[in-house]
């Protein structure tokens, strides 16, 4: 999946929502509401690099999927 559709080097709000929706669909979980996604996007600053987005979103996705997060020691 090419998340950065416009190849700008950052994910804009629409691209972020696309990633969230794709992950939810692939994992068979309900997607957050548009309002919840908008709130999340505002919390992370609107536009982010994919790495920045992943560092914030992956833990949330794992929690929503009821998976344990194992931290490196």
C-alpha atoms as a PDB file:
ATOM      1  CA  UNK A   1       0.000   0.000   0.000  1.00  0.00           C
ATOM      2  CA  UNK A   2       1.369   3.381  -0.941  1.00  0.00           C
ATOM      3  CA  UNK A   3       0.172   5.506   1.964  1.00  0.00           C
ATOM      4  CA  UNK A   4       1.807   8.725   0.751  1.00  0.00           C
ATOM      5  CA  UNK A   5      -0.284   9.028  -2.397  1.00  0.00           C
ATOM      6  CA  UNK A   6       0.963  12.484  -3.362  1.00  0.00           C
ATOM      7  CA  UNK A   7       4.592  11.494  -2.647  1.00  0.00           C
ATOM      8  CA  UNK A   8       5.109  14.601  -0.495  1.00  0.00           C
ATOM      9  CA  UNK A   9       7.055  12.761   2.188  1.00  0.00           C
ATOM     10  CA  UNK A  10       4.312  13.259   4.753  1.00  0.00           C
ATOM     11  CA  UNK A  11       0.873  11.815   5.320  1.00  0.00           C
ATOM     12  CA  UNK A  12      -1.880  14.422   5.104  1.00  0.00           C
ATOM     13  CA  UNK A  13      -5.217  13.940   6.922  1.00  0.00           C
ATOM     14  CA  UNK A  14      -6.856  12.077   4.013  1.00  0.00           C
ATOM     15  CA  UNK A  15      -3.857   9.755   3.669  1.00  0.00           C
ATOM     16  CA  UNK A  16      -3.841   9.116   7.425  1.00  0.00           C
ATOM     17  CA  UNK A  17      -7.529   8.188   7.308  1.00  0.00           C
ATOM     18  CA  UNK A  18      -6.813   5.885   4.379  1.00  0.00           C
ATOM     19  CA  UNK A  19      -4.156   4.029   6.383  1.00  0.00           C
ATOM     20  CA  UNK A  20      -6.440   3.725   9.401  1.00  0.00           C
ATOM     21  CA  UNK A  21      -9.312   2.403   7.284  1.00  0.00           C
ATOM     22  CA  UNK A  22      -7.082  -0.097   5.462  1.00  0.00           C
ATOM     23  CA  UNK A  23      -5.623  -1.437   8.712  1.00  0.00           C
ATOM     24  CA  UNK A  24      -9.094  -1.774  10.240  1.00  0.00           C
ATOM     25  CA  UNK A  25     -10.425  -3.587   7.180  1.00  0.00           C
ATOM     26  CA  UNK A  26      -7.416  -5.916   7.042  1.00  0.00           C
ATOM     27  CA  UNK A  27      -7.727  -6.723  10.746  1.00  0.00           C
ATOM     28  CA  UNK A  28     -11.506  -7.090  10.643  1.00  0.00           C
ATOM     29  CA  UNK A  29     -12.100  -4.446  13.294  1.00  0.00           C
ATOM     30  CA  UNK A  30     -14.483  -1.520  13.276  1.00  0.00           C
ATOM     31  CA  UNK A  31     -12.946   1.713  12.087  1.00  0.00           C
ATOM     32  CA  UNK A  32     -13.064   4.754  14.337  1.00  0.00           C
ATOM     33  CA  UNK A  33     -15.678   7.339  13.486  1.00  0.00           C
ATOM     34  CA  UNK A  34     -14.723  10.286  11.273  1.00  0.00           C
ATOM     35  CA  UNK A  35     -14.850  12.502  14.384  1.00  0.00           C
ATOM     36  CA  UNK A  36     -12.487  10.173  16.270  1.00  0.00           C
ATOM     37  CA  UNK A  37     -10.093  10.069  13.328  1.00  0.00           C
ATOM     38  CA  UNK A  38     -10.209  13.868  13.043  1.00  0.00           C
ATOM     39  CA  UNK A  39      -9.425  14.150  16.768  1.00  0.00           C
ATOM     40  CA  UNK A  40      -6.507  11.710  16.452  1.00  0.00           C
ATOM     41  CA  UNK A  41      -5.151  13.567  13.422  1.00  0.00           C
ATOM     42  CA  UNK A  42      -5.353  16.868  15.311  1.00  0.00           C
ATOM     43  CA  UNK A  43      -3.503  15.287  18.256  1.00  0.00           C
ATOM     44  CA  UNK A  44      -0.605  14.208  16.030  1.00  0.00           C
ATOM     45  CA  UNK A  45      -0.355  17.554  14.257  1.00  0.00           C
ATOM     46  CA  UNK A  46      -2.301  17.032  11.039  1.00  0.00           C
ATOM     47  CA  UNK A  47       0.556  16.005   8.746  1.00  0.00           C
ATOM     48  CA  UNK A  48       3.249  13.545   9.783  1.00  0.00           C
ATOM     49  CA  UNK A  49       5.870  11.302   8.288  1.00  0.00           C
ATOM     50  CA  UNK A  50       4.830   7.677   8.039  1.00  0.00           C
ATOM     51  CA  UNK A  51       7.322   6.742  10.777  1.00  0.00           C
ATOM     52  CA  UNK A  52       5.863   9.367  13.121  1.00  0.00           C
ATOM     53  CA  UNK A  53       2.356   8.164  12.347  1.00  0.00           C
ATOM     54  CA  UNK A  54       3.280   4.520  12.876  1.00  0.00           C
ATOM     55  CA  UNK A  55       4.909   5.224  16.245  1.00  0.00           C
ATOM     56  CA  UNK A  56       1.633   6.681  17.510  1.00  0.00           C
ATOM     57  CA  UNK A  57      -0.932   4.629  15.594  1.00  0.00           C
ATOM     58  CA  UNK A  58       0.447   1.101  15.907  1.00  0.00           C
ATOM     59  CA  UNK A  59       0.134   0.942  19.705  1.00  0.00           C
ATOM     60  CA  UNK A  60      -3.458   2.222  19.439  1.00  0.00           C
ATOM     61  CA  UNK A  61      -4.279  -0.353  16.763  1.00  0.00           C
ATOM     62  CA  UNK A  62      -2.824  -3.163  18.852  1.00  0.00           C
ATOM     63  CA  UNK A  63      -4.823  -2.078  21.883  1.00  0.00           C
ATOM     64  CA  UNK A  64      -8.012  -1.807  19.814  1.00  0.00           C
ATOM     65  CA  UNK A  65      -7.319  -5.304  18.477  1.00  0.00           C
ATOM     66  CA  UNK A  66      -6.863  -6.519  22.055  1.00  0.00           C
ATOM     67  CA  UNK A  67      -3.244  -7.480  21.421  1.00  0.00           C
ATOM     68  CA  UNK A  68      -0.502  -7.124  23.994  1.00  0.00           C
ATOM     69  CA  UNK A  69       2.247  -4.595  23.479  1.00  0.00           C
ATOM     70  CA  UNK A  70       5.636  -6.036  24.382  1.00  0.00           C
ATOM     71  CA  UNK A  71       8.287  -3.435  25.081  1.00  0.00           C
ATOM     72  CA  UNK A  72      11.980  -3.949  24.389  1.00  0.00           C
ATOM     73  CA  UNK A  73      14.101  -4.008  27.474  1.00  0.00           C
END
